[in-house]
């Protein structure tokens, strides 16, 4: 592999987040019928596959490549790239190559996908699922989404998709299927790692099976939609067809007061677009007896935003993480760095928030949000309330640019907490495990938030 890396013609780079100018706003999705000029010949496709492989090989934070035979992965990717008949097939070869690492952040994106990612655009039906008492249940419905317009509500039981019933037999088969022990983003899975606790493990496995079946069921329709059957709270049946649509879900932040005593700060991404809003929320929260930070559904963002936000809760500087990266000289060893977080030394007028603190987490708390949860728990004794996190915590420094404007994203930094907690592939367990029941969902009863409020107020009285 060393000889191959030496021959590498590096791909250019662009920032890993934020606006970009090298992809037009109206760029089309990858073609399923033809090859673009950027990938028109067999020799070009094999060369691009090699360059993408080498970028990952030379920059992935683990020199052992997660235990994967990376040379074997290259052979398969080159062979598939050589015979690709259209851009879709070519990108599928590159995507499968990156996915072979089993890493939550290393991936290949088409030009349309890389542009949409930066604009927080995705194609979805607008509902989240959970697994409660051997039933697949709707846990969240996005406003103004296909699911919302179809009348889907939180607490509905998803009984079937197409002709497949999500019954006891389906669940038993899912739990016995070894393929569901590992996530497959291309099959419709999210990036979450498999938790170690039995109930959480079962939940992730079953939901992977459900999502894969929903994706498989919808594919033959080619945009015609997914037919699902739901059981409502009153026992009535609802059959509806959902057509996934592309829409933006911009980052958001809010401050709420609970009984005039506890400040609840909820936000969805660690991105600069929310800096001013979060700054105002933190200033307002100074008056609170206690603070709750809601990171449920927060997919992460920029490391700089994580450091700034968590630093606002620190009275002094702390060693919070050790970073792992490839040695840039020999490429075969790993460097260990130290990450410190503390108050803003350039703005000493802003005193830290040192009240009792709770952080709400769930399976969609990922990346920088997971870092924040762990740091606040370890360094500020914050109580983590909810369900295990995603277990998908690595850093992407750049996006490497393919000839047509597509991108290769590589996990160039891994993290271990100051107390030695592994993060990537190891969901963080909450201090207080709280799982909503079906009745809680149907009544709108946020038991996770209520338990956190009880805990921080009790701590405030000590």
Protein backbone atom coordinates (compact mmCIF):
# COMPACT_ATOMS: atom_id res chain seq x y z
CA UNK A 1 0.00 0.00 0.00
CA UNK A 2 2.95 2.34 0.65
CA UNK A 3 3.95 2.27 -3.05
CA UNK A 4 0.43 3.09 -4.13
CA UNK A 5 0.24 6.02 -1.73
CA UNK A 6 3.52 7.39 -3.00
CA UNK A 7 2.05 7.62 -6.50
CA UNK A 8 -1.00 9.52 -5.30
CA UNK A 9 -2.10 12.62 -7.19
CA UNK A 10 -4.03 14.29 -4.38
CA UNK A 11 -7.56 15.52 -4.87
CA UNK A 12 -8.15 19.25 -4.22
CA UNK A 13 -9.97 20.20 -1.04
CA UNK A 14 -12.71 22.53 0.11
CA UNK A 15 -14.11 23.28 3.60
CA UNK A 16 -16.07 20.45 5.17
CA UNK A 17 -19.06 22.72 5.90
CA UNK A 18 -20.56 26.00 4.77
CA UNK A 19 -21.32 27.44 1.32
CA UNK A 20 -19.30 26.37 -1.70
CA UNK A 21 -18.93 28.03 -5.10
CA UNK A 22 -17.61 25.13 -7.20
CA UNK A 23 -20.96 23.32 -7.53
CA UNK A 24 -23.81 25.13 -9.35
CA UNK A 25 -27.11 25.56 -7.51
CA UNK A 26 -29.02 23.68 -10.19
CA UNK A 27 -26.69 20.67 -10.39
CA UNK A 28 -28.65 17.53 -11.23
CA UNK A 29 -28.69 14.25 -9.34
CA UNK A 30 -26.28 11.59 -10.58
CA UNK A 31 -27.53 10.14 -13.85
CA UNK A 32 -28.90 6.61 -13.91
CA UNK A 33 -28.71 6.42 -17.70
CA UNK A 34 -25.40 7.91 -18.82
CA UNK A 35 -21.85 8.82 -17.85
CA UNK A 36 -20.82 12.45 -17.48
CA UNK A 37 -17.75 13.74 -19.29
CA UNK A 38 -15.84 13.66 -15.98
CA UNK A 39 -16.13 9.84 -15.92
CA UNK A 40 -16.53 9.06 -19.62
CA UNK A 41 -13.77 6.48 -20.08
CA UNK A 42 -12.77 3.32 -18.28
CA UNK A 43 -9.27 4.69 -17.61
CA UNK A 44 -10.65 7.90 -16.05
CA UNK A 45 -13.06 6.03 -13.80
CA UNK A 46 -10.36 3.68 -12.55
CA UNK A 47 -8.02 6.62 -11.93
CA UNK A 48 -10.69 8.53 -9.96
CA UNK A 49 -11.50 5.42 -7.92
CA UNK A 50 -7.80 5.04 -7.14
CA UNK A 51 -7.47 8.68 -6.10
CA UNK A 52 -10.51 8.48 -3.82
CA UNK A 53 -9.17 5.24 -2.31
CA UNK A 54 -5.77 6.81 -1.71
CA UNK A 55 -7.23 9.91 -0.08
CA UNK A 56 -9.03 7.72 2.43
CA UNK A 57 -6.02 5.41 2.86
CA UNK A 58 -3.68 8.31 3.57
CA UNK A 59 -5.90 10.39 5.85
CA UNK A 60 -8.17 8.06 7.83
CA UNK A 61 -7.29 8.48 11.50
CA UNK A 62 -6.76 4.76 12.14
CA UNK A 63 -3.62 3.39 10.42
CA UNK A 64 -5.14 -0.10 10.65
CA UNK A 65 -8.17 1.07 8.64
CA UNK A 66 -10.62 -0.29 11.22
CA UNK A 67 -9.25 -3.77 10.59
CA UNK A 68 -10.47 -3.75 6.97
CA UNK A 69 -8.37 -5.21 4.14
CA UNK A 70 -8.15 -1.88 2.35
CA UNK A 71 -6.21 -3.27 -0.60
CA UNK A 72 -8.99 -5.78 -1.24
CA UNK A 73 -11.54 -2.97 -1.06
CA UNK A 74 -9.56 -1.12 -3.72
CA UNK A 75 -9.62 -4.08 -6.10
CA UNK A 76 -13.39 -4.38 -5.86
CA UNK A 77 -13.95 -0.63 -6.25
CA UNK A 78 -11.69 -0.39 -9.31
CA UNK A 79 -13.38 -3.34 -10.97
CA UNK A 80 -16.85 -1.88 -10.43
CA UNK A 81 -15.73 1.59 -11.54
CA UNK A 82 -14.27 0.15 -14.73
CA UNK A 83 -17.57 -1.36 -15.88
CA UNK A 84 -19.92 1.35 -14.58
CA UNK A 85 -22.44 2.25 -17.28
CA UNK A 86 -23.67 5.47 -15.70
CA UNK A 87 -22.82 7.95 -12.97
CA UNK A 88 -25.11 6.20 -10.49
CA UNK A 89 -23.22 2.94 -10.86
CA UNK A 90 -19.86 4.69 -10.63
CA UNK A 91 -20.82 6.54 -7.46
CA UNK A 92 -22.26 3.34 -5.99
CA UNK A 93 -18.82 1.76 -6.34
CA UNK A 94 -17.17 4.69 -4.54
CA UNK A 95 -19.85 4.84 -1.85
CA UNK A 96 -19.55 1.12 -1.10
CA UNK A 97 -15.77 1.53 -0.92
CA UNK A 98 -16.06 4.24 1.75
CA UNK A 99 -18.81 2.36 3.59
CA UNK A 100 -16.57 -0.71 3.90
CA UNK A 101 -14.73 1.04 6.75
CA UNK A 102 -17.85 1.01 8.90
CA UNK A 103 -17.13 4.59 9.93
CA UNK A 104 -19.94 7.05 10.65
CA UNK A 105 -18.41 10.04 8.83
CA UNK A 106 -16.28 8.65 5.97
CA UNK A 107 -18.38 8.80 2.82
CA UNK A 108 -18.57 9.76 -0.84
CA UNK A 109 -21.16 12.30 -2.03
CA UNK A 110 -22.39 13.22 -5.48
CA UNK A 111 -22.33 16.93 -6.40
CA UNK A 112 -26.05 17.23 -5.62
CA UNK A 113 -25.62 15.49 -2.27
CA UNK A 114 -22.68 17.64 -1.18
CA UNK A 115 -24.61 20.81 -2.04
CA UNK A 116 -27.77 19.60 -0.29
CA UNK A 117 -25.81 18.61 2.80
CA UNK A 118 -24.51 22.13 3.22
CA UNK A 119 -28.01 23.55 2.83
CA UNK A 120 -29.51 21.07 5.29
CA UNK A 121 -31.64 19.58 2.52
CA UNK A 122 -32.57 15.90 2.52
CA UNK A 123 -35.20 13.69 0.93
CA UNK A 124 -37.47 12.22 3.58
CA UNK A 125 -41.03 11.34 4.52
CA UNK A 126 -40.86 13.29 7.76
CA UNK A 127 -41.37 10.80 10.57
CA UNK A 128 -39.09 9.21 13.14
CA UNK A 129 -39.67 5.74 14.56
CA UNK A 130 -38.95 3.98 17.82
CA UNK A 131 -39.52 0.47 19.17
CA UNK A 132 -41.71 0.13 22.25
CA UNK A 133 -43.15 -3.09 23.71
CA UNK A 134 -42.50 -5.06 20.50
CA UNK A 135 -44.23 -2.44 18.38
CA UNK A 136 -42.81 0.01 15.85
CA UNK A 137 -44.12 3.42 16.87
CA UNK A 138 -44.01 6.93 15.35
CA UNK A 139 -42.01 9.06 17.79
CA UNK A 140 -41.82 12.33 15.87
CA UNK A 141 -43.56 13.93 12.89
CA UNK A 142 -41.93 16.89 11.18
CA UNK A 143 -44.23 19.87 10.54
CA UNK A 144 -45.26 20.37 6.92
CA UNK A 145 -43.79 17.02 5.86
CA UNK A 146 -45.37 14.25 3.74
CA UNK A 147 -46.14 12.35 6.95
CA UNK A 148 -47.76 15.37 8.60
CA UNK A 149 -49.87 16.13 5.52
CA UNK A 150 -51.02 12.51 5.41
CA UNK A 151 -52.29 12.74 8.99
CA UNK A 152 -49.60 10.63 10.67
CA UNK A 153 -49.35 11.48 14.37
CA UNK A 154 -46.94 10.74 17.20
CA UNK A 155 -47.93 7.48 18.89
CA UNK A 156 -49.29 5.81 15.75
CA UNK A 157 -48.20 2.18 15.49
CA UNK A 158 -46.58 1.32 12.15
CA UNK A 159 -48.23 -1.98 11.31
CA UNK A 160 -47.04 -2.56 7.74
CA UNK A 161 -45.19 -1.13 4.74
CA UNK A 162 -46.44 -2.43 1.41
CA UNK A 163 -47.20 -6.10 1.93
CA UNK A 164 -44.73 -6.54 4.80
CA UNK A 165 -46.18 -6.65 8.29
CA UNK A 166 -44.03 -5.55 11.20
CA UNK A 167 -45.41 -8.26 13.44
CA UNK A 168 -43.85 -10.70 15.89
CA UNK A 169 -42.48 -12.90 13.13
CA UNK A 170 -40.79 -9.91 11.46
CA UNK A 171 -39.27 -8.81 14.76
CA UNK A 172 -37.96 -12.29 15.62
CA UNK A 173 -36.39 -12.58 12.17
CA UNK A 174 -34.77 -9.15 12.53
CA UNK A 175 -33.27 -9.95 15.91
CA UNK A 176 -31.79 -13.19 14.54
CA UNK A 177 -30.33 -11.58 11.39
CA UNK A 178 -26.53 -11.08 11.77
CA UNK A 179 -26.54 -8.50 8.96
CA UNK A 180 -28.37 -6.07 11.24
CA UNK A 181 -25.47 -6.01 13.70
CA UNK A 182 -23.69 -3.56 11.40
CA UNK A 183 -25.15 -0.39 9.97
CA UNK A 184 -25.42 0.08 6.23
CA UNK A 185 -26.16 3.66 5.23
CA UNK A 186 -26.73 2.63 1.61
CA UNK A 187 -29.44 0.22 2.77
CA UNK A 188 -31.27 3.02 4.58
CA UNK A 189 -29.68 2.82 8.03
CA UNK A 190 -28.69 5.82 10.06
CA UNK A 191 -25.10 6.21 11.33
CA UNK A 192 -25.86 5.01 14.87
CA UNK A 193 -23.70 2.29 16.36
CA UNK A 194 -25.15 -0.77 18.06
CA UNK A 195 -25.60 -0.20 21.82
CA UNK A 196 -24.42 -2.85 24.25
CA UNK A 197 -27.49 -2.94 26.50
CA UNK A 198 -29.98 -5.58 25.41
CA UNK A 199 -33.12 -3.44 25.01
CA UNK A 200 -31.27 -0.69 23.13
CA UNK A 201 -29.54 -3.30 20.98
CA UNK A 202 -32.89 -4.81 20.04
CA UNK A 203 -34.39 -1.40 19.29
CA UNK A 204 -31.62 -0.46 16.86
CA UNK A 205 -31.69 -3.86 15.13
CA UNK A 206 -35.46 -3.82 14.63
CA UNK A 207 -35.49 -0.22 13.38
CA UNK A 208 -32.71 -1.03 10.92
CA UNK A 209 -34.79 -3.90 9.58
CA UNK A 210 -37.87 -1.67 9.31
CA UNK A 211 -36.04 1.12 7.50
CA UNK A 212 -34.43 -1.30 5.08
CA UNK A 213 -37.80 -2.85 4.31
CA UNK A 214 -39.42 0.53 3.82
CA UNK A 215 -36.63 1.54 1.46
CA UNK A 216 -36.89 -1.75 -0.45
CA UNK A 217 -40.67 -1.49 -0.67
CA UNK A 218 -40.56 2.06 -2.00
CA UNK A 219 -37.84 1.47 -4.63
CA UNK A 220 -39.94 -0.33 -7.26
CA UNK A 221 -42.33 2.60 -7.32
CA UNK A 222 -39.54 4.90 -8.56
CA UNK A 223 -41.00 7.94 -6.87
CA UNK A 224 -44.53 6.57 -6.66
CA UNK A 225 -44.45 6.49 -2.89
CA UNK A 226 -44.54 4.13 0.05
CA UNK A 227 -47.81 2.65 1.25
CA UNK A 228 -47.97 2.21 5.03
CA UNK A 229 -50.60 0.97 7.47
CA UNK A 230 -50.93 2.59 10.87
CA UNK A 231 -52.97 1.84 13.99
CA UNK A 232 -54.23 5.00 15.68
CA UNK A 233 -54.68 5.59 19.40
CA UNK A 234 -58.43 4.86 19.11
CA UNK A 235 -57.77 1.56 17.32
CA UNK A 236 -58.71 2.90 13.88
CA UNK A 237 -56.62 1.90 10.88
CA UNK A 238 -55.01 4.41 8.53
CA UNK A 239 -53.60 3.42 5.17
CA UNK A 240 -51.73 6.16 3.41
CA UNK A 241 -49.10 6.65 0.75
CA UNK A 242 -46.06 8.77 1.50
CA UNK A 243 -43.84 10.20 -1.22
CA UNK A 244 -40.43 11.28 0.07
CA UNK A 245 -39.68 14.88 -0.86
CA UNK A 246 -36.54 16.98 -0.77
CA UNK A 247 -36.81 19.90 1.65
CA UNK A 248 -34.59 22.01 3.83
CA UNK A 249 -34.59 21.66 7.59
CA UNK A 250 -32.43 24.60 8.65
CA UNK A 251 -30.72 24.59 12.06
CA UNK A 252 -32.83 26.04 14.85
CA UNK A 253 -32.40 27.09 18.47
CA UNK A 254 -34.78 28.10 21.22
CA UNK A 255 -34.85 29.10 24.87
CA UNK A 256 -37.80 28.11 27.05
CA UNK A 257 -38.47 28.68 30.71
CA UNK A 258 -39.81 25.83 32.82
CA UNK A 259 -41.90 27.15 35.70
CA UNK A 260 -39.87 30.35 35.54
CA UNK A 261 -36.91 28.63 37.20
CA UNK A 262 -35.14 26.34 34.74
CA UNK A 263 -33.76 27.53 31.41
CA UNK A 264 -34.15 24.98 28.62
CA UNK A 265 -31.81 25.53 25.66
CA UNK A 266 -32.58 23.35 22.66
CA UNK A 267 -30.77 23.47 19.31
CA UNK A 268 -30.36 21.13 16.38
CA UNK A 269 -26.82 21.70 15.07
CA UNK A 270 -23.45 23.03 16.20
CA UNK A 271 -23.13 25.56 13.38
CA UNK A 272 -22.09 29.24 13.18
CA UNK A 273 -25.55 30.19 11.89
CA UNK A 274 -26.85 29.68 15.44
CA UNK A 275 -24.02 31.44 17.29
CA UNK A 276 -25.86 34.72 17.90
CA UNK A 277 -29.08 33.00 18.91
CA UNK A 278 -27.28 30.68 21.30
CA UNK A 279 -25.26 33.56 22.72
CA UNK A 280 -28.48 35.38 23.56
CA UNK A 281 -29.98 32.23 25.09
CA UNK A 282 -26.93 31.68 27.29
CA UNK A 283 -27.01 35.27 28.49
CA UNK A 284 -30.69 34.96 29.38
CA UNK A 285 -30.07 31.63 31.13
CA UNK A 286 -27.80 33.33 33.69
CA UNK A 287 -30.96 34.18 35.67
CA UNK A 288 -32.00 30.52 35.95
CA UNK A 289 -31.73 28.33 39.03
CA UNK A 290 -30.63 25.50 36.74
CA UNK A 291 -30.04 24.84 33.03
CA UNK A 292 -31.11 21.98 30.76
CA UNK A 293 -29.47 21.57 27.34
CA UNK A 294 -31.60 19.50 24.98
CA UNK A 295 -29.38 17.71 22.44
CA UNK A 296 -31.95 15.12 21.36
CA UNK A 297 -31.87 14.90 17.58
CA UNK A 298 -28.80 17.16 17.40
CA UNK A 299 -26.57 15.70 14.69
CA UNK A 300 -23.47 17.71 15.58
CA UNK A 301 -21.50 20.16 13.49
CA UNK A 302 -18.25 22.07 13.82
CA UNK A 303 -15.66 21.33 16.49
CA UNK A 304 -15.14 25.09 16.98
CA UNK A 305 -18.80 25.51 17.92
CA UNK A 306 -18.60 22.59 20.34
CA UNK A 307 -15.60 24.12 22.08
CA UNK A 308 -17.21 27.55 22.27
CA UNK A 309 -20.53 26.25 23.62
CA UNK A 310 -19.14 23.90 26.24
CA UNK A 311 -16.61 26.55 27.27
CA UNK A 312 -19.47 28.78 28.37
CA UNK A 313 -20.19 26.30 31.17
CA UNK A 314 -16.58 26.12 32.41
CA UNK A 315 -15.15 28.17 35.24
CA UNK A 316 -11.62 27.30 34.18
CA UNK A 317 -9.82 25.51 31.38
CA UNK A 318 -9.99 21.70 31.34
CA UNK A 319 -8.37 18.95 29.34
CA UNK A 320 -11.52 17.42 27.83
CA UNK A 321 -10.46 15.17 24.95
CA UNK A 322 -7.51 13.41 23.40
CA UNK A 323 -7.52 13.48 19.62
CA UNK A 324 -6.22 10.68 17.41
CA UNK A 325 -4.84 11.33 13.94
CA UNK A 326 -2.45 9.83 11.42
CA UNK A 327 1.20 10.63 11.67
CA UNK A 328 1.88 12.76 8.59
CA UNK A 329 5.47 11.54 8.25
CA UNK A 330 5.26 7.75 8.06
CA UNK A 331 1.46 7.31 7.87
CA UNK A 332 1.68 4.06 9.82
CA UNK A 333 1.42 5.41 13.35
CA UNK A 334 -1.04 7.57 15.23
CA UNK A 335 -0.52 10.93 16.87
CA UNK A 336 -2.27 11.78 20.13
CA UNK A 337 -3.17 15.40 20.78
CA UNK A 338 -4.83 17.18 23.69
CA UNK A 339 -7.95 19.33 23.48
CA UNK A 340 -8.69 21.95 26.12
CA UNK A 341 -11.93 23.81 26.70
CA UNK A 342 -12.49 26.76 28.99
CA UNK A 343 -13.87 30.29 29.29
CA UNK A 344 -13.29 32.74 26.45
CA UNK A 345 -10.02 34.43 27.39
CA UNK A 346 -10.84 37.33 25.05
CA UNK A 347 -14.22 38.04 26.64
CA UNK A 348 -13.72 37.81 30.39
CA UNK A 349 -16.87 39.88 30.97
CA UNK A 350 -19.00 36.84 30.20
CA UNK A 351 -19.04 34.83 33.38
CA UNK A 352 -19.58 31.07 33.00
CA UNK A 353 -22.91 29.38 33.70
CA UNK A 354 -22.19 27.25 36.76
CA UNK A 355 -25.74 26.30 37.82
CA UNK A 356 -26.81 22.65 38.10
CA UNK A 357 -26.88 21.25 34.58
CA UNK A 358 -28.65 18.43 32.72
CA UNK A 359 -28.22 17.34 29.11
CA UNK A 360 -30.93 15.43 27.20
CA UNK A 361 -29.68 12.80 24.73
CA UNK A 362 -31.05 10.12 22.43
CA UNK A 363 -29.99 7.90 19.53
CA UNK A 364 -29.80 10.88 17.17
CA UNK A 365 -27.42 12.84 19.41
CA UNK A 366 -24.27 12.57 17.32
CA UNK A 367 -20.81 13.92 16.52
CA UNK A 368 -20.15 17.32 18.13
CA UNK A 369 -23.35 16.95 20.19
CA UNK A 370 -22.01 13.72 21.67
CA UNK A 371 -18.71 15.42 22.43
CA UNK A 372 -20.61 18.17 24.23
CA UNK A 373 -22.66 15.69 26.26
CA UNK A 374 -19.58 13.73 27.35
CA UNK A 375 -17.55 16.83 28.19
CA UNK A 376 -20.34 18.44 30.21
CA UNK A 377 -20.90 15.17 32.07
CA UNK A 378 -17.22 14.60 32.84
CA UNK A 379 -16.10 18.18 33.50
CA UNK A 380 -19.27 19.84 34.83
CA UNK A 381 -21.03 16.88 36.48
CA UNK A 382 -24.00 17.38 34.15
CA UNK A 383 -26.58 14.62 34.46
CA UNK A 384 -27.28 12.96 31.09
CA UNK A 385 -30.94 12.01 30.78
CA UNK A 386 -32.62 9.98 28.04
CA UNK A 387 -31.39 7.16 25.82
CA UNK A 388 -27.92 6.13 24.50
CA UNK A 389 -26.36 8.44 21.94
CA UNK A 390 -25.46 7.68 18.33
CA UNK A 391 -21.88 6.53 18.92
CA UNK A 392 -20.70 8.41 15.83
CA UNK A 393 -17.94 10.79 16.87
CA UNK A 394 -15.05 11.54 14.52
CA UNK A 395 -13.78 14.72 12.89
CA UNK A 396 -13.82 15.65 9.19
CA UNK A 397 -11.33 18.41 8.35
CA UNK A 398 -11.89 18.78 4.60
CA UNK A 399 -13.99 17.54 1.74
CA UNK A 400 -11.82 16.19 -1.10
CA UNK A 401 -13.21 17.23 -4.47
CA UNK A 402 -13.90 14.75 -7.27
CA UNK A 403 -13.63 15.85 -10.94
CA UNK A 404 -17.39 16.51 -11.29
CA UNK A 405 -17.68 18.38 -7.98
CA UNK A 406 -18.63 15.41 -5.82
CA UNK A 407 -16.90 14.98 -2.48
CA UNK A 408 -14.95 12.47 -0.43
CA UNK A 409 -15.29 13.01 3.32
CA UNK A 410 -12.72 11.28 5.52
CA UNK A 411 -12.69 10.86 9.29
CA UNK A 412 -9.27 12.35 9.96
CA UNK A 413 -9.65 12.70 13.73
CA UNK A 414 -10.84 10.27 16.39
CA UNK A 415 -11.56 11.13 20.00
CA UNK A 416 -11.15 9.63 23.45
CA UNK A 417 -12.54 11.54 26.42
CA UNK A 418 -10.30 12.84 29.21
CA UNK A 419 -11.50 9.93 31.35
CA UNK A 420 -10.76 7.40 28.63
CA UNK A 421 -14.24 6.94 27.18
CA UNK A 422 -14.26 5.65 23.61
CA UNK A 423 -16.77 7.54 21.45
CA UNK A 424 -16.87 6.30 17.84
CA UNK A 425 -18.80 3.06 17.69
CA UNK A 426 -19.61 3.22 21.41
CA UNK A 427 -22.87 5.03 22.25
CA UNK A 428 -22.65 7.06 25.44
CA UNK A 429 -24.97 5.75 28.14
CA UNK A 430 -27.10 8.36 29.94
CA UNK A 431 -26.69 8.85 33.66
CA UNK A 432 -30.45 8.44 34.03
CA UNK A 433 -32.10 6.17 31.50
CA UNK A 434 -35.62 7.37 30.62
CA UNK A 435 -37.63 5.81 27.79
CA UNK A 436 -41.07 7.21 26.87
CA UNK A 437 -43.93 4.72 26.85
CA UNK A 438 -46.56 4.52 24.14
CA UNK A 439 -48.96 6.36 26.45
CA UNK A 440 -46.37 9.11 26.99
CA UNK A 441 -45.96 9.64 23.25
CA UNK A 442 -49.69 9.73 22.60
CA UNK A 443 -50.32 12.21 25.41
CA UNK A 444 -47.38 14.45 24.53
CA UNK A 445 -45.84 13.71 27.91
CA UNK A 446 -42.09 14.50 27.73
CA UNK A 447 -40.92 12.27 30.56
CA UNK A 448 -37.25 12.80 29.67
CA UNK A 449 -37.51 16.55 30.14
CA UNK A 450 -39.58 16.19 33.30
CA UNK A 451 -37.02 13.86 34.90
CA UNK A 452 -34.19 16.25 33.99
CA UNK A 453 -36.09 19.18 35.50
CA UNK A 454 -36.67 17.25 38.70
CA UNK A 455 -32.99 16.32 38.94
CA UNK A 456 -31.54 19.81 38.41
CA UNK A 457 -33.94 21.45 40.84
CA UNK A 458 -33.10 18.85 43.46
CA UNK A 459 -29.38 19.53 42.88
CA UNK A 460 -30.03 23.25 43.25
CA UNK A 461 -31.36 22.74 46.76
CA UNK A 462 -28.25 20.99 48.03
